[in-house]
Amino acid sequence: MNGEGIFTITQWNEEVIKEKCEQVKTVHASVVQAYEGDMKGEGHVEFIMSYKSGISACFVGFEEFIGVIDGRRGTVTFKHDGSFEDGVARSAFTVVAGTATGELSGVNLTGHFTSAESGKANYSFTE
């Protein structure tokens, strides 16, 4: 199974965990994303982000996706590993084994996203 589409960030709440010096900090971001395309539904993500400057960061996180993937309904948890450079966020994601439910039970997706403009990102995945 291959798929692609767009998600839109609908909520972003960021809280500083530790600030070392100006613009070098660790933050926790709670994010909600609305998916369109071969994934339809909503994702709730918890990111830990390490800002290296005001315009550069790396992040890891877990996302609980609720909805439909390629016609199959259920939930799944994704693990993200990404970066933010030159105004563009990128992340590779994989399914956390044993977390899929419903018709998605046993699914083993890997994918990535790249941010676009206006809080949107393009994603693609393969199984």
N, C-alpha and C. Protein backbone atom coordinates (compact mmCIF):
# COMPACT_ATOMS: atom_id res chain seq x y z
N MET A 1 0.84 -1.17 0.00
CA MET A 1 0.00 0.00 0.00
C MET A 1 0.89 1.24 0.00
N ASN A 2 0.59 2.16 -0.88
CA ASN A 2 1.26 3.45 -0.94
C ASN A 2 0.20 4.53 -0.82
N GLY A 3 0.55 5.66 -0.23
CA GLY A 3 -0.42 6.73 -0.12
C GLY A 3 0.25 8.08 0.05
N GLU A 4 -0.56 9.11 -0.16
CA GLU A 4 -0.05 10.47 0.00
C GLU A 4 -1.22 11.42 0.25
N GLY A 5 -0.89 12.61 0.66
CA GLY A 5 -1.91 13.62 0.90
C GLY A 5 -1.31 14.82 1.61
N ILE A 6 -2.21 15.55 2.27
CA ILE A 6 -1.83 16.78 2.97
C ILE A 6 -2.43 16.74 4.37
N PHE A 7 -1.68 17.26 5.34
CA PHE A 7 -2.31 17.53 6.63
C PHE A 7 -2.15 19.01 6.95
N THR A 8 -3.10 19.51 7.74
CA THR A 8 -3.11 20.89 8.16
C THR A 8 -3.01 20.94 9.67
N ILE A 9 -2.11 21.76 10.19
CA ILE A 9 -1.99 21.94 11.63
C ILE A 9 -3.16 22.81 12.08
N THR A 10 -3.98 22.28 12.99
CA THR A 10 -5.14 23.03 13.49
C THR A 10 -4.91 23.58 14.89
N GLN A 11 -3.94 23.03 15.62
CA GLN A 11 -3.57 23.55 16.95
C GLN A 11 -2.08 23.35 17.15
N TRP A 12 -1.44 24.34 17.80
CA TRP A 12 -0.02 24.23 18.15
C TRP A 12 0.17 24.93 19.48
N ASN A 13 0.49 24.17 20.51
CA ASN A 13 0.77 24.73 21.83
C ASN A 13 2.18 24.32 22.21
N GLU A 14 3.04 25.30 22.42
CA GLU A 14 4.45 25.06 22.70
C GLU A 14 4.82 25.65 24.05
N GLU A 15 5.57 24.87 24.84
CA GLU A 15 5.98 25.28 26.18
C GLU A 15 7.48 25.02 26.35
N VAL A 16 8.21 26.02 26.82
CA VAL A 16 9.65 25.87 27.03
C VAL A 16 9.89 24.95 28.24
N ILE A 17 10.73 23.95 28.03
CA ILE A 17 11.15 23.06 29.12
C ILE A 17 12.42 23.61 29.76
N LYS A 18 13.37 23.99 28.90
CA LYS A 18 14.64 24.53 29.39
C LYS A 18 15.22 25.45 28.34
N GLU A 19 15.68 26.62 28.79
CA GLU A 19 16.32 27.57 27.88
C GLU A 19 17.76 27.75 28.33
N LYS A 20 18.68 27.45 27.42
CA LYS A 20 20.11 27.52 27.76
C LYS A 20 20.65 28.92 27.55
N CYS A 21 20.31 29.51 26.44
CA CYS A 21 20.68 30.89 26.13
C CYS A 21 19.69 31.35 25.06
N GLU A 22 19.84 32.57 24.60
CA GLU A 22 18.89 33.11 23.65
C GLU A 22 18.69 32.18 22.45
N GLN A 23 17.46 31.75 22.25
CA GLN A 23 17.00 30.92 21.13
C GLN A 23 17.54 29.49 21.13
N VAL A 24 18.33 29.09 22.11
CA VAL A 24 18.76 27.70 22.24
C VAL A 24 17.97 27.14 23.42
N LYS A 25 17.02 26.26 23.09
CA LYS A 25 16.09 25.80 24.12
C LYS A 25 15.50 24.44 23.75
N THR A 26 14.92 23.79 24.75
CA THR A 26 14.18 22.56 24.58
C THR A 26 12.72 22.87 24.90
N VAL A 27 11.82 22.44 24.01
CA VAL A 27 10.40 22.72 24.21
C VAL A 27 9.57 21.46 24.03
N HIS A 28 8.37 21.50 24.57
CA HIS A 28 7.35 20.47 24.36
C HIS A 28 6.25 21.12 23.55
N ALA A 29 5.86 20.49 22.44
CA ALA A 29 4.78 21.01 21.60
C ALA A 29 3.68 19.96 21.49
N SER A 30 2.45 20.38 21.80
CA SER A 30 1.27 19.55 21.58
C SER A 30 0.59 20.07 20.32
N VAL A 31 0.39 19.17 19.36
CA VAL A 31 -0.07 19.58 18.03
C VAL A 31 -1.25 18.71 17.60
N VAL A 32 -2.22 19.33 16.94
CA VAL A 32 -3.34 18.60 16.35
C VAL A 32 -3.29 18.85 14.84
N GLN A 33 -3.46 17.77 14.06
CA GLN A 33 -3.36 17.84 12.61
C GLN A 33 -4.58 17.18 11.96
N ALA A 34 -5.13 17.82 10.94
CA ALA A 34 -6.26 17.27 10.17
C ALA A 34 -5.72 16.72 8.86
N TYR A 35 -6.00 15.46 8.57
CA TYR A 35 -5.46 14.76 7.39
C TYR A 35 -6.48 14.68 6.26
N GLU A 36 -5.98 14.87 5.03
CA GLU A 36 -6.74 14.66 3.80
C GLU A 36 -5.89 13.80 2.88
N GLY A 37 -6.53 13.10 1.97
CA GLY A 37 -5.81 12.24 1.03
C GLY A 37 -6.02 10.79 1.38
N ASP A 38 -4.97 9.98 1.28
CA ASP A 38 -5.09 8.56 1.58
C ASP A 38 -5.17 8.27 3.07
N MET A 39 -4.86 9.26 3.89
CA MET A 39 -5.13 9.24 5.33
C MET A 39 -6.18 10.31 5.58
N LYS A 40 -7.29 9.92 6.20
CA LYS A 40 -8.35 10.86 6.53
C LYS A 40 -8.62 10.74 8.02
N GLY A 41 -8.48 11.86 8.72
CA GLY A 41 -8.73 11.81 10.15
C GLY A 41 -7.95 12.89 10.87
N GLU A 42 -7.62 12.59 12.13
CA GLU A 42 -6.95 13.57 12.97
C GLU A 42 -5.78 12.93 13.70
N GLY A 43 -4.70 13.68 13.81
CA GLY A 43 -3.53 13.23 14.55
C GLY A 43 -3.27 14.15 15.72
N HIS A 44 -2.96 13.56 16.88
CA HIS A 44 -2.58 14.30 18.08
C HIS A 44 -1.13 13.94 18.37
N VAL A 45 -0.25 14.95 18.28
CA VAL A 45 1.19 14.72 18.37
C VAL A 45 1.77 15.40 19.59
N GLU A 46 2.70 14.71 20.25
CA GLU A 46 3.49 15.29 21.34
C GLU A 46 4.94 15.28 20.86
N PHE A 47 5.49 16.48 20.62
CA PHE A 47 6.86 16.63 20.16
C PHE A 47 7.75 17.16 21.29
N ILE A 48 8.97 16.68 21.35
CA ILE A 48 10.04 17.31 22.11
C ILE A 48 10.98 17.89 21.05
N MET A 49 11.23 19.20 21.16
CA MET A 49 12.01 19.89 20.13
C MET A 49 13.22 20.55 20.77
N SER A 50 14.34 20.46 20.08
CA SER A 50 15.57 21.11 20.52
C SER A 50 15.92 22.18 19.49
N TYR A 51 15.71 23.44 19.88
CA TYR A 51 16.06 24.55 18.99
C TYR A 51 17.54 24.84 19.10
N LYS A 52 18.20 24.85 17.96
CA LYS A 52 19.63 25.19 17.90
C LYS A 52 19.79 26.69 17.67
N SER A 53 18.74 27.31 17.16
CA SER A 53 18.66 28.75 16.93
C SER A 53 17.18 29.06 16.74
N GLY A 54 16.87 30.30 16.44
CA GLY A 54 15.47 30.64 16.20
C GLY A 54 14.92 30.08 14.91
N ILE A 55 15.80 29.58 14.04
CA ILE A 55 15.36 29.08 12.73
C ILE A 55 15.79 27.65 12.43
N SER A 56 16.26 26.93 13.47
CA SER A 56 16.76 25.58 13.26
C SER A 56 16.45 24.72 14.48
N ALA A 57 15.94 23.51 14.25
CA ALA A 57 15.60 22.63 15.36
C ALA A 57 15.60 21.17 14.90
N CYS A 58 15.71 20.28 15.86
CA CYS A 58 15.45 18.86 15.61
C CYS A 58 14.36 18.44 16.58
N PHE A 59 13.60 17.39 16.22
CA PHE A 59 12.49 16.97 17.07
C PHE A 59 12.22 15.48 16.96
N VAL A 60 11.62 14.95 18.02
CA VAL A 60 11.11 13.59 18.07
C VAL A 60 9.70 13.68 18.64
N GLY A 61 8.88 12.68 18.35
CA GLY A 61 7.53 12.73 18.89
C GLY A 61 6.74 11.48 18.61
N PHE A 62 5.59 11.43 19.26
CA PHE A 62 4.63 10.35 19.05
C PHE A 62 3.30 10.95 18.67
N GLU A 63 2.66 10.34 17.67
CA GLU A 63 1.38 10.82 17.16
C GLU A 63 0.35 9.72 17.22
N GLU A 64 -0.79 10.03 17.80
CA GLU A 64 -1.93 9.12 17.81
C GLU A 64 -2.84 9.54 16.66
N PHE A 65 -2.90 8.73 15.62
CA PHE A 65 -3.76 9.00 14.46
C PHE A 65 -5.06 8.23 14.63
N ILE A 66 -6.17 8.92 14.41
CA ILE A 66 -7.50 8.33 14.50
C ILE A 66 -8.21 8.60 13.18
N GLY A 67 -8.58 7.55 12.46
CA GLY A 67 -9.27 7.78 11.20
C GLY A 67 -9.17 6.61 10.25
N VAL A 68 -8.98 6.92 8.98
CA VAL A 68 -8.98 5.93 7.91
C VAL A 68 -7.68 6.06 7.11
N ILE A 69 -7.01 4.94 6.88
CA ILE A 69 -5.83 4.90 6.04
C ILE A 69 -6.10 3.89 4.93
N ASP A 70 -6.08 4.38 3.69
CA ASP A 70 -6.31 3.52 2.53
C ASP A 70 -7.59 2.69 2.69
N GLY A 71 -8.64 3.33 3.18
CA GLY A 71 -9.94 2.66 3.33
C GLY A 71 -10.12 1.83 4.58
N ARG A 72 -9.10 1.73 5.43
CA ARG A 72 -9.20 0.93 6.66
C ARG A 72 -9.29 1.86 7.88
N ARG A 73 -10.30 1.65 8.72
CA ARG A 73 -10.57 2.51 9.86
C ARG A 73 -9.91 1.95 11.13
N GLY A 74 -9.37 2.88 11.95
CA GLY A 74 -8.80 2.49 13.23
C GLY A 74 -7.90 3.57 13.78
N THR A 75 -7.00 3.17 14.66
CA THR A 75 -6.03 4.09 15.24
C THR A 75 -4.64 3.49 15.10
N VAL A 76 -3.65 4.36 15.13
CA VAL A 76 -2.27 3.89 15.06
C VAL A 76 -1.38 4.97 15.69
N THR A 77 -0.28 4.55 16.30
CA THR A 77 0.69 5.49 16.86
C THR A 77 1.92 5.52 15.96
N PHE A 78 2.30 6.73 15.57
CA PHE A 78 3.51 6.94 14.78
C PHE A 78 4.61 7.52 15.64
N LYS A 79 5.84 7.11 15.39
CA LYS A 79 7.02 7.71 16.00
C LYS A 79 7.66 8.60 14.94
N HIS A 80 7.91 9.87 15.29
CA HIS A 80 8.51 10.85 14.38
C HIS A 80 9.95 11.14 14.75
N ASP A 81 10.77 11.40 13.73
CA ASP A 81 12.15 11.85 13.90
C ASP A 81 12.40 12.88 12.81
N GLY A 82 12.53 14.17 13.21
CA GLY A 82 12.58 15.19 12.19
C GLY A 82 13.47 16.37 12.49
N SER A 83 13.40 17.33 11.57
CA SER A 83 14.21 18.54 11.70
C SER A 83 13.46 19.72 11.09
N PHE A 84 13.88 20.92 11.48
CA PHE A 84 13.36 22.15 10.92
C PHE A 84 14.55 22.99 10.51
N GLU A 85 14.70 23.23 9.22
CA GLU A 85 15.82 23.99 8.67
C GLU A 85 15.31 24.87 7.54
N ASP A 86 15.79 26.09 7.46
CA ASP A 86 15.45 27.00 6.36
C ASP A 86 13.96 27.12 6.12
N GLY A 87 13.18 27.13 7.21
CA GLY A 87 11.74 27.31 7.11
C GLY A 87 10.95 26.08 6.73
N VAL A 88 11.60 24.92 6.63
CA VAL A 88 10.93 23.69 6.21
C VAL A 88 11.09 22.61 7.28
N ALA A 89 9.96 22.04 7.72
CA ALA A 89 9.98 20.91 8.66
C ALA A 89 9.91 19.62 7.85
N ARG A 90 10.73 18.64 8.26
CA ARG A 90 10.74 17.31 7.63
C ARG A 90 10.76 16.27 8.73
N SER A 91 10.04 15.19 8.52
CA SER A 91 10.06 14.10 9.49
C SER A 91 9.87 12.77 8.79
N ALA A 92 10.61 11.78 9.26
CA ALA A 92 10.34 10.39 8.90
C ALA A 92 9.48 9.82 10.02
N PHE A 93 8.52 8.97 9.66
CA PHE A 93 7.69 8.36 10.71
C PHE A 93 7.49 6.88 10.44
N THR A 94 7.31 6.14 11.53
CA THR A 94 7.05 4.70 11.47
C THR A 94 5.96 4.37 12.47
N VAL A 95 5.28 3.27 12.25
CA VAL A 95 4.28 2.78 13.20
C VAL A 95 4.99 2.15 14.39
N VAL A 96 4.54 2.49 15.58
CA VAL A 96 5.04 1.82 16.78
C VAL A 96 4.36 0.45 16.83
N ALA A 97 5.16 -0.61 16.80
CA ALA A 97 4.63 -1.99 16.74
C ALA A 97 3.63 -2.24 17.86
N GLY A 98 2.52 -2.88 17.49
CA GLY A 98 1.52 -3.27 18.47
C GLY A 98 0.54 -2.18 18.85
N THR A 99 0.58 -1.00 18.20
CA THR A 99 -0.29 0.10 18.60
C THR A 99 -1.51 0.29 17.70
N ALA A 100 -1.58 -0.39 16.58
CA ALA A 100 -2.68 -0.21 15.64
C ALA A 100 -3.91 -0.98 16.12
N THR A 101 -5.10 -0.36 15.91
CA THR A 101 -6.35 -0.99 16.31
C THR A 101 -7.32 -1.03 15.14
N GLY A 102 -8.44 -1.74 15.33
CA GLY A 102 -9.48 -1.81 14.32
C GLY A 102 -8.98 -2.45 13.05
N GLU A 103 -9.45 -1.95 11.91
CA GLU A 103 -9.04 -2.48 10.61
C GLU A 103 -7.57 -2.19 10.30
N LEU A 104 -6.95 -1.30 11.09
CA LEU A 104 -5.53 -0.99 10.90
C LEU A 104 -4.62 -1.92 11.70
N SER A 105 -5.21 -2.80 12.48
CA SER A 105 -4.42 -3.74 13.29
C SER A 105 -3.42 -4.48 12.42
N GLY A 106 -2.17 -4.49 12.84
CA GLY A 106 -1.11 -5.17 12.11
C GLY A 106 -0.47 -4.35 11.01
N VAL A 107 -0.97 -3.14 10.75
CA VAL A 107 -0.40 -2.29 9.71
C VAL A 107 1.03 -1.90 10.10
N ASN A 108 1.91 -1.82 9.10
CA ASN A 108 3.31 -1.48 9.35
C ASN A 108 3.75 -0.45 8.31
N LEU A 109 3.39 0.82 8.55
CA LEU A 109 3.69 1.89 7.61
C LEU A 109 4.99 2.59 7.94
N THR A 110 5.65 3.09 6.92
CA THR A 110 6.75 4.04 7.08
C THR A 110 6.45 5.18 6.13
N GLY A 111 6.86 6.37 6.51
CA GLY A 111 6.59 7.50 5.64
C GLY A 111 7.38 8.71 6.03
N HIS A 112 7.00 9.82 5.42
CA HIS A 112 7.65 11.09 5.74
C HIS A 112 6.71 12.24 5.40
N PHE A 113 7.01 13.41 5.99
CA PHE A 113 6.29 14.61 5.60
C PHE A 113 7.28 15.75 5.40
N THR A 114 6.88 16.70 4.59
CA THR A 114 7.62 17.92 4.36
C THR A 114 6.63 19.07 4.41
N SER A 115 6.93 20.06 5.24
CA SER A 115 5.99 21.16 5.40
C SER A 115 5.92 22.01 4.14
N ALA A 116 4.74 22.56 3.93
CA ALA A 116 4.50 23.49 2.85
C ALA A 116 4.19 24.85 3.50
N GLU A 117 3.40 25.66 2.86
CA GLU A 117 3.05 26.97 3.42
C GLU A 117 1.76 26.89 4.22
N SER A 118 1.53 27.91 5.05
CA SER A 118 0.27 28.10 5.77
C SER A 118 -0.11 26.95 6.68
N GLY A 119 0.86 26.35 7.39
CA GLY A 119 0.55 25.30 8.34
C GLY A 119 0.16 23.98 7.71
N LYS A 120 0.51 23.77 6.47
CA LYS A 120 0.20 22.52 5.78
C LYS A 120 1.48 21.74 5.52
N ALA A 121 1.34 20.43 5.35
CA ALA A 121 2.48 19.57 5.02
C ALA A 121 2.03 18.48 4.07
N ASN A 122 2.92 18.09 3.19
CA ASN A 122 2.68 16.97 2.28
C ASN A 122 3.25 15.72 2.91
N TYR A 123 2.49 14.64 2.91
CA TYR A 123 2.97 13.38 3.46
C TYR A 123 2.87 12.28 2.41
N SER A 124 3.66 11.24 2.61
CA SER A 124 3.53 10.02 1.81
C SER A 124 3.94 8.85 2.69
N PHE A 125 3.44 7.66 2.34
CA PHE A 125 3.76 6.47 3.12
C PHE A 125 3.76 5.23 2.25
N THR A 126 4.39 4.19 2.74
CA THR A 126 4.37 2.87 2.11
C THR A 126 4.19 1.83 3.21
N GLU A 127 3.70 0.66 2.83
CA GLU A 127 3.57 -0.45 3.79
C GLU A 127 4.45 -1.57 3.33
